[in-house]
């Protein structure tokens, strides 16, 4: 029901960007943010595996009608990819930072723990979508807001003791993205 290759490209891009952001914002980067970024959308694989035809329909509707993926998932399947991903992660004993990133990557301000890492994954997910790194089943739209206004920046400001220079971070990411894109292209061609 879902082309996992494109999802994994998105996941790898998100993970690399989250790790880069962490290195820019916290000198003692020693978290599991890469793993959290890699698995933030694992619930999509769960739903696609459990209900492939229904999930394919959800994706087609989300793409063609530009509906909110989570709303369509709940309406058609009774659960969204975050909820399915959290169940999967908890059942498999994944670290709490991964569970929190899965549950709250769209709203990092609601994370109960690991808020900084969840905020990094949230920003990285946005950037990955904005730069077309793979396909996660949903496009950015006006409700996603602008990069500099993402709620994740407030969470990061609380952690690092003030709002970082978002313009400088965005400029650095613009130079980082081509290397991520090249790595992903190389990986795709190797497969």
N, C-alpha and C. Protein backbone atom coordinates (compact mmCIF):
# COMPACT_ATOMS: atom_id res chain seq x y z
N UNK A 1 0.80 -1.21 0.00
CA UNK A 1 0.00 0.00 0.00
C UNK A 1 0.83 1.26 0.00
N UNK A 2 2.11 1.16 0.29
CA UNK A 2 2.96 2.33 0.42
C UNK A 2 4.34 1.98 -0.10
N UNK A 3 4.94 2.83 -0.90
CA UNK A 3 6.28 2.59 -1.40
C UNK A 3 7.28 2.92 -0.30
N UNK A 4 7.72 1.92 0.37
CA UNK A 4 8.59 2.11 1.52
C UNK A 4 9.92 2.75 1.16
N UNK A 5 10.39 2.56 -0.08
CA UNK A 5 11.67 3.17 -0.47
C UNK A 5 11.62 4.69 -0.32
N UNK A 6 10.52 5.28 -0.79
CA UNK A 6 10.40 6.74 -0.70
C UNK A 6 10.25 7.19 0.75
N UNK A 7 9.55 6.39 1.55
CA UNK A 7 9.42 6.71 2.96
C UNK A 7 10.77 6.62 3.66
N UNK A 8 11.55 5.60 3.35
CA UNK A 8 12.86 5.46 3.98
C UNK A 8 13.81 6.58 3.55
N UNK A 9 13.69 7.03 2.31
CA UNK A 9 14.50 8.17 1.87
C UNK A 9 14.13 9.39 2.71
N UNK A 10 12.82 9.60 2.89
CA UNK A 10 12.37 10.70 3.75
C UNK A 10 12.90 10.52 5.17
N UNK A 11 12.81 9.31 5.69
CA UNK A 11 13.27 9.03 7.06
C UNK A 11 14.77 9.26 7.21
N UNK A 12 15.54 8.81 6.25
CA UNK A 12 16.99 9.01 6.31
C UNK A 12 17.34 10.49 6.21
N UNK A 13 16.64 11.21 5.33
CA UNK A 13 16.86 12.65 5.23
C UNK A 13 16.52 13.37 6.52
N UNK A 14 15.39 13.00 7.10
CA UNK A 14 14.97 13.61 8.37
C UNK A 14 15.99 13.32 9.47
N UNK A 15 16.46 12.09 9.53
CA UNK A 15 17.44 11.71 10.55
C UNK A 15 18.74 12.50 10.40
N UNK A 16 19.23 12.61 9.17
CA UNK A 16 20.48 13.34 8.93
C UNK A 16 20.33 14.82 9.28
N UNK A 17 19.20 15.39 8.92
CA UNK A 17 18.96 16.81 9.23
C UNK A 17 18.83 17.03 10.73
N UNK A 18 18.12 16.13 11.41
CA UNK A 18 17.97 16.25 12.87
C UNK A 18 19.33 16.17 13.56
N UNK A 19 20.16 15.27 13.09
CA UNK A 19 21.50 15.13 13.67
C UNK A 19 22.34 16.39 13.42
N UNK A 20 22.24 16.95 12.21
CA UNK A 20 22.95 18.18 11.88
C UNK A 20 22.47 19.33 12.76
N UNK A 21 21.16 19.45 12.93
CA UNK A 21 20.61 20.49 13.80
C UNK A 21 21.13 20.34 15.23
N UNK A 22 21.15 19.12 15.70
CA UNK A 22 21.63 18.89 17.06
C UNK A 22 23.08 19.33 17.21
N UNK A 23 23.90 19.03 16.23
CA UNK A 23 25.30 19.43 16.28
C UNK A 23 25.44 20.95 16.25
N UNK A 24 24.55 21.63 15.54
CA UNK A 24 24.60 23.09 15.49
C UNK A 24 24.16 23.72 16.80
N UNK A 25 23.20 23.07 17.47
CA UNK A 25 22.56 23.70 18.62
C UNK A 25 23.05 23.22 19.98
N UNK A 26 23.67 22.07 20.02
CA UNK A 26 24.12 21.54 21.31
C UNK A 26 25.48 20.88 21.11
N UNK A 27 26.48 21.44 21.76
CA UNK A 27 27.84 20.96 21.54
C UNK A 27 28.06 19.54 22.07
N UNK A 28 27.33 19.14 23.09
CA UNK A 28 27.51 17.81 23.64
C UNK A 28 26.46 16.85 23.07
N UNK A 29 26.33 16.85 21.78
CA UNK A 29 25.33 16.02 21.11
C UNK A 29 25.61 14.55 21.40
N UNK A 30 24.75 13.97 22.22
CA UNK A 30 24.95 12.58 22.61
C UNK A 30 23.59 11.89 22.79
N UNK A 31 22.63 12.28 21.99
CA UNK A 31 21.31 11.69 22.13
C UNK A 31 21.09 10.65 21.05
N UNK A 32 19.89 10.19 20.96
CA UNK A 32 19.50 9.22 19.93
C UNK A 32 18.60 9.91 18.91
N UNK A 33 18.93 11.17 18.60
CA UNK A 33 18.09 11.95 17.70
C UNK A 33 18.09 11.35 16.29
N UNK A 34 19.19 10.76 15.86
CA UNK A 34 19.22 10.16 14.52
C UNK A 34 18.21 9.02 14.45
N UNK A 35 18.22 8.16 15.45
CA UNK A 35 17.26 7.05 15.49
C UNK A 35 15.83 7.57 15.57
N UNK A 36 15.62 8.59 16.37
CA UNK A 36 14.27 9.18 16.49
C UNK A 36 13.81 9.74 15.15
N UNK A 37 14.70 10.42 14.43
CA UNK A 37 14.35 10.94 13.11
C UNK A 37 14.09 9.83 12.12
N UNK A 38 14.87 8.79 12.19
CA UNK A 38 14.72 7.66 11.27
C UNK A 38 13.38 6.97 11.45
N UNK A 39 12.90 6.87 12.68
CA UNK A 39 11.69 6.10 12.96
C UNK A 39 10.45 6.94 13.22
N UNK A 40 10.51 8.25 13.04
CA UNK A 40 9.38 9.11 13.39
C UNK A 40 8.09 8.74 12.65
N UNK A 41 8.18 8.17 11.46
CA UNK A 41 7.00 7.80 10.67
C UNK A 41 6.79 6.29 10.57
N UNK A 42 7.36 5.53 11.48
CA UNK A 42 7.25 4.07 11.40
C UNK A 42 5.79 3.60 11.45
N UNK A 43 4.92 4.38 12.03
CA UNK A 43 3.49 4.03 12.07
C UNK A 43 2.88 3.92 10.68
N UNK A 44 3.43 4.62 9.71
CA UNK A 44 2.94 4.51 8.33
C UNK A 44 3.23 3.13 7.77
N UNK A 45 4.37 2.59 8.13
CA UNK A 45 4.69 1.22 7.70
C UNK A 45 3.77 0.23 8.40
N UNK A 46 3.51 0.47 9.68
CA UNK A 46 2.60 -0.41 10.43
C UNK A 46 1.22 -0.41 9.77
N UNK A 47 0.66 0.77 9.52
CA UNK A 47 -0.67 0.86 8.92
C UNK A 47 -0.69 0.28 7.51
N UNK A 48 0.36 0.52 6.75
CA UNK A 48 0.44 0.00 5.39
C UNK A 48 0.54 -1.52 5.39
N UNK A 49 1.14 -2.07 6.40
CA UNK A 49 1.27 -3.53 6.51
C UNK A 49 -0.03 -4.17 6.96
N UNK A 50 -0.68 -3.54 7.92
CA UNK A 50 -1.92 -4.11 8.48
C UNK A 50 -3.10 -3.95 7.53
N UNK A 51 -3.21 -2.81 6.89
CA UNK A 51 -4.35 -2.52 6.00
C UNK A 51 -3.85 -1.89 4.70
N UNK A 52 -3.17 -2.67 3.84
CA UNK A 52 -2.53 -2.07 2.67
C UNK A 52 -3.50 -1.37 1.71
N UNK A 53 -4.64 -1.95 1.42
CA UNK A 53 -5.57 -1.33 0.48
C UNK A 53 -6.18 -0.06 1.07
N UNK A 54 -6.61 -0.13 2.31
CA UNK A 54 -7.20 1.04 2.96
C UNK A 54 -6.18 2.17 3.10
N UNK A 55 -4.94 1.80 3.42
CA UNK A 55 -3.92 2.83 3.59
C UNK A 55 -3.55 3.46 2.25
N UNK A 56 -3.52 2.67 1.20
CA UNK A 56 -3.26 3.21 -0.13
C UNK A 56 -4.33 4.24 -0.48
N UNK A 57 -5.60 3.94 -0.17
CA UNK A 57 -6.69 4.89 -0.43
C UNK A 57 -6.48 6.19 0.35
N UNK A 58 -6.07 6.07 1.60
CA UNK A 58 -5.81 7.25 2.42
C UNK A 58 -4.73 8.11 1.78
N UNK A 59 -3.66 7.48 1.31
CA UNK A 59 -2.56 8.23 0.70
C UNK A 59 -2.99 8.91 -0.60
N UNK A 60 -3.79 8.21 -1.40
CA UNK A 60 -4.26 8.79 -2.65
C UNK A 60 -5.14 10.01 -2.37
N UNK A 61 -6.03 9.88 -1.41
CA UNK A 61 -6.90 11.01 -1.06
C UNK A 61 -6.06 12.17 -0.52
N UNK A 62 -5.11 11.86 0.37
CA UNK A 62 -4.26 12.92 0.94
C UNK A 62 -3.50 13.64 -0.16
N UNK A 63 -3.01 12.90 -1.13
CA UNK A 63 -2.24 13.52 -2.21
C UNK A 63 -3.12 14.32 -3.17
N UNK A 64 -4.20 13.70 -3.62
CA UNK A 64 -5.05 14.33 -4.63
C UNK A 64 -5.91 15.46 -4.09
N UNK A 65 -6.39 15.31 -2.88
CA UNK A 65 -7.28 16.32 -2.31
C UNK A 65 -6.58 17.19 -1.28
N UNK A 66 -5.30 16.88 -1.04
CA UNK A 66 -4.49 17.64 -0.10
C UNK A 66 -5.10 17.68 1.30
N UNK A 67 -5.74 16.59 1.70
CA UNK A 67 -6.29 16.51 3.05
C UNK A 67 -5.20 16.23 4.07
N UNK A 68 -5.48 16.49 5.32
CA UNK A 68 -4.53 16.19 6.40
C UNK A 68 -4.46 14.69 6.60
N UNK A 69 -3.27 14.13 6.44
CA UNK A 69 -3.07 12.69 6.49
C UNK A 69 -3.59 12.10 7.79
N UNK A 70 -3.27 12.71 8.91
CA UNK A 70 -3.69 12.17 10.20
C UNK A 70 -5.20 12.10 10.33
N UNK A 71 -5.89 13.11 9.84
CA UNK A 71 -7.36 13.12 9.89
C UNK A 71 -7.93 12.00 9.02
N UNK A 72 -7.36 11.83 7.84
CA UNK A 72 -7.82 10.76 6.95
C UNK A 72 -7.54 9.38 7.53
N UNK A 73 -6.38 9.22 8.14
CA UNK A 73 -6.03 7.94 8.77
C UNK A 73 -7.05 7.60 9.86
N UNK A 74 -7.33 8.57 10.72
CA UNK A 74 -8.30 8.32 11.80
C UNK A 74 -9.69 8.02 11.27
N UNK A 75 -10.11 8.76 10.25
CA UNK A 75 -11.45 8.56 9.69
C UNK A 75 -11.59 7.20 9.03
N UNK A 76 -10.57 6.75 8.32
CA UNK A 76 -10.64 5.49 7.58
C UNK A 76 -10.21 4.28 8.38
N UNK A 77 -9.24 4.47 9.30
CA UNK A 77 -8.64 3.33 10.00
C UNK A 77 -8.88 3.35 11.51
N UNK A 78 -9.37 4.46 12.03
CA UNK A 78 -9.63 4.56 13.46
C UNK A 78 -8.40 4.86 14.28
N UNK A 79 -7.27 5.05 13.63
CA UNK A 79 -6.00 5.34 14.30
C UNK A 79 -5.12 6.08 13.30
N UNK A 80 -4.26 6.97 13.82
CA UNK A 80 -3.34 7.63 12.89
C UNK A 80 -1.95 7.00 13.00
N UNK A 81 -1.05 7.42 12.12
CA UNK A 81 0.27 6.78 12.08
C UNK A 81 1.08 7.03 13.34
N UNK A 82 0.83 8.13 14.02
CA UNK A 82 1.55 8.37 15.28
C UNK A 82 1.13 7.35 16.33
N UNK A 83 -0.17 7.17 16.48
CA UNK A 83 -0.67 6.21 17.47
C UNK A 83 -0.19 4.79 17.15
N UNK A 84 -0.26 4.39 15.88
CA UNK A 84 0.21 3.06 15.48
C UNK A 84 1.71 2.93 15.71
N UNK A 85 2.46 4.00 15.43
CA UNK A 85 3.90 3.97 15.63
C UNK A 85 4.29 3.88 17.09
N UNK A 86 3.57 4.59 17.95
CA UNK A 86 3.85 4.52 19.38
C UNK A 86 3.61 3.10 19.90
N UNK A 87 2.50 2.49 19.51
CA UNK A 87 2.24 1.10 19.93
C UNK A 87 3.36 0.18 19.48
N UNK A 88 3.79 0.33 18.24
CA UNK A 88 4.88 -0.48 17.71
C UNK A 88 6.16 -0.26 18.51
N UNK A 89 6.51 0.99 18.74
CA UNK A 89 7.74 1.33 19.44
C UNK A 89 7.74 0.82 20.88
N UNK A 90 6.63 1.02 21.56
CA UNK A 90 6.54 0.54 22.95
C UNK A 90 6.58 -0.98 23.01
N UNK A 91 5.87 -1.62 22.11
CA UNK A 91 5.84 -3.09 22.07
C UNK A 91 7.24 -3.67 21.82
N UNK A 92 8.04 -2.96 21.06
CA UNK A 92 9.37 -3.44 20.71
C UNK A 92 10.48 -2.86 21.59
N UNK A 93 10.10 -2.16 22.65
CA UNK A 93 11.07 -1.67 23.61
C UNK A 93 12.02 -0.61 23.08
N UNK A 94 11.56 0.20 22.14
CA UNK A 94 12.41 1.26 21.61
C UNK A 94 12.58 2.35 22.67
N UNK A 95 13.68 3.10 22.59
CA UNK A 95 13.94 4.14 23.59
C UNK A 95 12.83 5.19 23.66
N UNK A 96 12.67 5.77 24.84
CA UNK A 96 11.63 6.77 25.06
C UNK A 96 11.75 7.97 24.13
N UNK A 97 12.97 8.36 23.77
CA UNK A 97 13.13 9.49 22.84
C UNK A 97 12.49 9.16 21.49
N UNK A 98 12.57 7.92 21.06
CA UNK A 98 11.95 7.50 19.81
C UNK A 98 10.43 7.53 19.95
N UNK A 99 9.93 7.01 21.06
CA UNK A 99 8.48 7.00 21.31
C UNK A 99 7.95 8.43 21.29
N UNK A 100 8.63 9.34 21.96
CA UNK A 100 8.18 10.73 22.02
C UNK A 100 8.23 11.40 20.64
N UNK A 101 9.27 11.10 19.86
CA UNK A 101 9.38 11.68 18.51
C UNK A 101 8.27 11.16 17.61
N UNK A 102 7.95 9.89 17.72
CA UNK A 102 6.85 9.32 16.93
C UNK A 102 5.54 10.00 17.32
N UNK A 103 5.31 10.12 18.61
CA UNK A 103 4.04 10.64 19.12
C UNK A 103 3.86 12.13 18.88
N UNK A 104 4.94 12.90 18.88
CA UNK A 104 4.81 14.36 18.92
C UNK A 104 5.59 15.10 17.83
N UNK A 105 6.04 14.43 16.78
CA UNK A 105 6.86 15.14 15.79
C UNK A 105 6.08 16.24 15.07
N UNK A 106 4.78 16.18 15.10
CA UNK A 106 4.00 17.26 14.48
C UNK A 106 3.72 18.40 15.46
N UNK A 107 3.81 18.12 16.77
CA UNK A 107 3.57 19.14 17.80
C UNK A 107 4.56 18.92 18.95
N UNK A 108 5.81 19.30 18.76
CA UNK A 108 6.83 19.00 19.77
C UNK A 108 6.57 19.66 21.12
N UNK A 109 5.79 20.72 21.13
CA UNK A 109 5.50 21.39 22.40
C UNK A 109 4.64 20.52 23.32
N UNK A 110 4.04 19.46 22.77
CA UNK A 110 3.22 18.55 23.59
C UNK A 110 4.00 17.34 24.10
N UNK A 111 5.25 17.22 23.72
CA UNK A 111 6.06 16.08 24.18
C UNK A 111 6.23 16.15 25.69
N UNK A 112 6.15 14.99 26.31
CA UNK A 112 6.26 14.91 27.76
C UNK A 112 7.72 14.88 28.22
N UNK A 113 8.56 14.24 27.45
CA UNK A 113 10.00 14.14 27.74
C UNK A 113 10.75 14.31 26.43
N UNK A 114 12.05 14.48 26.50
CA UNK A 114 12.90 14.59 25.30
C UNK A 114 12.39 15.66 24.33
N UNK A 115 11.92 16.75 24.89
CA UNK A 115 11.31 17.80 24.07
C UNK A 115 12.29 18.41 23.06
N UNK A 116 13.54 18.57 23.46
CA UNK A 116 14.54 19.13 22.55
C UNK A 116 14.72 18.23 21.33
N UNK A 117 14.89 16.94 21.57
CA UNK A 117 15.09 16.00 20.47
C UNK A 117 13.85 15.91 19.58
N UNK A 118 12.67 15.94 20.19
CA UNK A 118 11.43 15.90 19.42
C UNK A 118 11.33 17.16 18.56
N UNK A 119 11.72 18.30 19.11
CA UNK A 119 11.70 19.55 18.33
C UNK A 119 12.66 19.47 17.15
N UNK A 120 13.82 18.88 17.36
CA UNK A 120 14.78 18.71 16.25
C UNK A 120 14.19 17.83 15.15
N UNK A 121 13.55 16.74 15.55
CA UNK A 121 12.93 15.85 14.56
C UNK A 121 11.80 16.58 13.84
N UNK A 122 11.05 17.37 14.56
CA UNK A 122 9.96 18.13 13.95
C UNK A 122 10.48 19.08 12.88
N UNK A 123 11.51 19.82 13.20
CA UNK A 123 12.10 20.75 12.23
C UNK A 123 12.69 19.98 11.06
N UNK A 124 13.39 18.91 11.35
CA UNK A 124 14.01 18.10 10.30
C UNK A 124 12.96 17.50 9.37
N UNK A 125 11.85 17.06 9.92
CA UNK A 125 10.75 16.53 9.12
C UNK A 125 10.22 17.61 8.17
N UNK A 126 10.04 18.80 8.69
CA UNK A 126 9.58 19.94 7.89
C UNK A 126 10.57 20.22 6.75
N UNK A 127 11.85 20.30 7.09
CA UNK A 127 12.88 20.60 6.09
C UNK A 127 12.96 19.49 5.04
N UNK A 128 12.87 18.25 5.49
CA UNK A 128 12.92 17.12 4.56
C UNK A 128 11.76 17.20 3.56
N UNK A 129 10.57 17.50 4.04
CA UNK A 129 9.42 17.66 3.14
C UNK A 129 9.60 18.87 2.23
N UNK A 130 10.06 19.98 2.79
CA UNK A 130 10.21 21.21 2.02
C UNK A 130 11.21 21.04 0.88
N UNK A 131 12.19 20.19 1.07
CA UNK A 131 13.23 19.98 0.05
C UNK A 131 13.00 18.71 -0.77
N UNK A 132 11.84 18.08 -0.59
CA UNK A 132 11.50 16.92 -1.41
C UNK A 132 12.40 15.73 -1.22
N UNK A 133 12.85 15.51 0.01
CA UNK A 133 13.69 14.34 0.30
C UNK A 133 12.77 13.15 0.57
N UNK A 134 12.56 12.34 -0.44
CA UNK A 134 11.65 11.21 -0.32
C UNK A 134 10.21 11.69 -0.27
N UNK A 135 9.34 10.79 0.13
CA UNK A 135 7.92 11.12 0.25
C UNK A 135 7.36 10.41 1.47
N UNK A 136 6.75 11.18 2.33
CA UNK A 136 6.25 10.63 3.59
C UNK A 136 4.75 10.39 3.58
N UNK A 137 4.12 10.63 2.45
CA UNK A 137 2.67 10.45 2.37
C UNK A 137 1.89 11.73 2.58
N UNK A 138 2.59 12.79 2.91
CA UNK A 138 1.92 14.07 3.14
C UNK A 138 2.80 15.20 2.64
N UNK A 139 2.17 16.20 2.08
CA UNK A 139 2.88 17.39 1.63
C UNK A 139 2.73 18.50 2.66
N UNK A 140 3.63 19.44 2.60
CA UNK A 140 3.46 20.64 3.42
C UNK A 140 2.34 21.49 2.81
N UNK A 141 1.59 22.14 3.67
CA UNK A 141 0.60 23.10 3.20
C UNK A 141 0.63 24.32 4.12
N UNK A 142 -0.25 25.27 3.87
CA UNK A 142 -0.22 26.52 4.64
C UNK A 142 -0.42 26.30 6.13
N UNK A 143 -1.09 25.21 6.51
CA UNK A 143 -1.30 24.96 7.94
C UNK A 143 -0.01 24.53 8.65
N UNK A 144 1.00 24.15 7.87
CA UNK A 144 2.28 23.78 8.47
C UNK A 144 3.11 24.99 8.88
N UNK A 145 2.76 26.15 8.36
CA UNK A 145 3.46 27.37 8.73
C UNK A 145 4.77 27.56 8.00
N UNK A 146 5.50 28.57 8.45
CA UNK A 146 6.80 28.91 7.86
C UNK A 146 7.91 28.42 8.77
N UNK A 147 9.06 28.15 8.18
CA UNK A 147 10.21 27.60 8.90
C UNK A 147 10.52 28.39 10.17
N UNK A 148 10.61 29.71 10.03
CA UNK A 148 11.02 30.54 11.17
C UNK A 148 9.95 30.62 12.27
N UNK A 149 8.72 30.21 11.95
CA UNK A 149 7.63 30.29 12.92
C UNK A 149 7.24 28.95 13.51
N UNK A 150 7.97 27.89 13.21
CA UNK A 150 7.61 26.57 13.72
C UNK A 150 7.61 26.56 15.25
N UNK A 151 6.60 25.93 15.86
CA UNK A 151 6.56 25.86 17.33
C UNK A 151 7.79 25.19 17.94
N UNK A 152 8.46 24.37 17.17
CA UNK A 152 9.65 23.69 17.67
C UNK A 152 10.74 24.67 18.11
N UNK A 153 10.79 25.84 17.48
CA UNK A 153 11.81 26.82 17.86
C UNK A 153 11.63 27.29 19.30
N UNK A 154 10.39 27.40 19.77
CA UNK A 154 10.15 27.80 21.15
C UNK A 154 10.63 26.72 22.12
N UNK A 155 10.39 25.46 21.75
CA UNK A 155 10.87 24.34 22.58
C UNK A 155 12.40 24.38 22.65
N UNK A 156 13.03 24.61 21.52
CA UNK A 156 14.49 24.68 21.49
C UNK A 156 14.99 25.87 22.31
N UNK A 157 14.30 27.01 22.19
CA UNK A 157 14.69 28.20 22.96
C UNK A 157 14.66 27.91 24.46
N UNK A 158 13.66 27.17 24.90
CA UNK A 158 13.56 26.81 26.32
C UNK A 158 14.74 25.94 26.75
N UNK A 159 15.22 25.11 25.86
CA UNK A 159 16.30 24.18 26.18
C UNK A 159 17.67 24.84 26.15
N UNK A 160 17.91 25.68 25.14
CA UNK A 160 19.25 26.27 24.98
C UNK A 160 19.37 27.65 25.62
N UNK A 161 18.29 28.12 26.23
CA UNK A 161 18.36 29.40 26.94
C UNK A 161 18.19 30.62 26.06
N UNK A 162 17.40 30.50 25.03
CA UNK A 162 17.12 31.63 24.15
C UNK A 162 16.92 31.16 22.73
N UNK A 163 16.21 31.96 21.98
CA UNK A 163 15.92 31.59 20.59
C UNK A 163 17.21 31.61 19.77
N UNK A 164 17.50 30.52 19.08
CA UNK A 164 18.70 30.52 18.24
C UNK A 164 18.51 31.40 17.01
N UNK A 165 19.57 31.67 16.31
CA UNK A 165 19.52 32.45 15.09
C UNK A 165 18.96 31.55 13.98
N UNK A 166 17.66 31.58 13.81
CA UNK A 166 16.97 30.69 12.89
C UNK A 166 17.40 30.95 11.45
N UNK A 167 17.62 32.23 11.10
CA UNK A 167 18.06 32.55 9.74
C UNK A 167 19.41 31.92 9.43
N UNK A 168 20.33 31.96 10.38
CA UNK A 168 21.65 31.36 10.19
C UNK A 168 21.54 29.85 10.07
N UNK A 169 20.68 29.25 10.88
CA UNK A 169 20.49 27.80 10.82
C UNK A 169 19.90 27.42 9.48
N UNK A 170 18.92 28.18 9.01
CA UNK A 170 18.32 27.90 7.71
C UNK A 170 19.36 28.02 6.59
N UNK A 171 20.22 29.01 6.68
CA UNK A 171 21.28 29.18 5.67
C UNK A 171 22.24 28.00 5.69
N UNK A 172 22.62 27.55 6.88
CA UNK A 172 23.51 26.39 6.99
C UNK A 172 22.85 25.13 6.45
N UNK A 173 21.56 24.97 6.73
CA UNK A 173 20.85 23.80 6.21
C UNK A 173 20.79 23.82 4.69
N UNK A 174 20.67 25.00 4.09
CA UNK A 174 20.63 25.09 2.63
C UNK A 174 21.94 24.61 2.01
N UNK A 175 23.05 24.74 2.74
CA UNK A 175 24.31 24.20 2.23
C UNK A 175 24.47 22.72 2.58
N UNK A 176 23.78 22.27 3.61
CA UNK A 176 23.86 20.86 4.05
C UNK A 176 22.97 19.95 3.19
N UNK A 177 21.81 20.45 2.79
CA UNK A 177 20.83 19.64 2.05
C UNK A 177 21.40 19.01 0.79
N UNK A 178 22.18 19.72 -0.03
CA UNK A 178 22.72 19.07 -1.24
C UNK A 178 23.56 17.83 -0.94
N UNK A 179 24.31 17.85 0.16
CA UNK A 179 25.10 16.66 0.49
C UNK A 179 24.19 15.51 0.92
N UNK A 180 23.12 15.82 1.64
CA UNK A 180 22.15 14.80 2.02
C UNK A 180 21.49 14.23 0.77
N UNK A 181 21.09 15.11 -0.12
CA UNK A 181 20.45 14.69 -1.37
C UNK A 181 21.40 13.77 -2.17
N UNK A 182 22.67 14.13 -2.25
CA UNK A 182 23.64 13.32 -2.98
C UNK A 182 23.81 11.94 -2.31
N UNK A 183 23.89 11.94 -0.98
CA UNK A 183 24.01 10.66 -0.27
C UNK A 183 22.79 9.78 -0.50
N UNK A 184 21.61 10.38 -0.47
CA UNK A 184 20.37 9.62 -0.69
C UNK A 184 20.29 9.10 -2.12
N UNK A 185 20.71 9.91 -3.08
CA UNK A 185 20.71 9.48 -4.48
C UNK A 185 21.67 8.30 -4.66
N UNK A 186 22.83 8.39 -4.06
CA UNK A 186 23.82 7.30 -4.14
C UNK A 186 23.27 6.03 -3.52
N UNK A 187 22.61 6.17 -2.39
CA UNK A 187 22.01 5.02 -1.72
C UNK A 187 20.91 4.41 -2.57
N UNK A 188 20.06 5.24 -3.16
CA UNK A 188 18.96 4.77 -4.00
C UNK A 188 19.50 4.02 -5.21
N UNK A 189 20.58 4.53 -5.80
CA UNK A 189 21.16 3.87 -6.97
C UNK A 189 21.84 2.56 -6.61
N UNK A 190 22.33 2.44 -5.39
CA UNK A 190 22.98 1.21 -4.94
C UNK A 190 21.98 0.10 -4.68
N UNK A 191 20.75 0.48 -4.42
CA UNK A 191 19.73 -0.53 -4.08
C UNK A 191 19.12 -1.13 -5.28
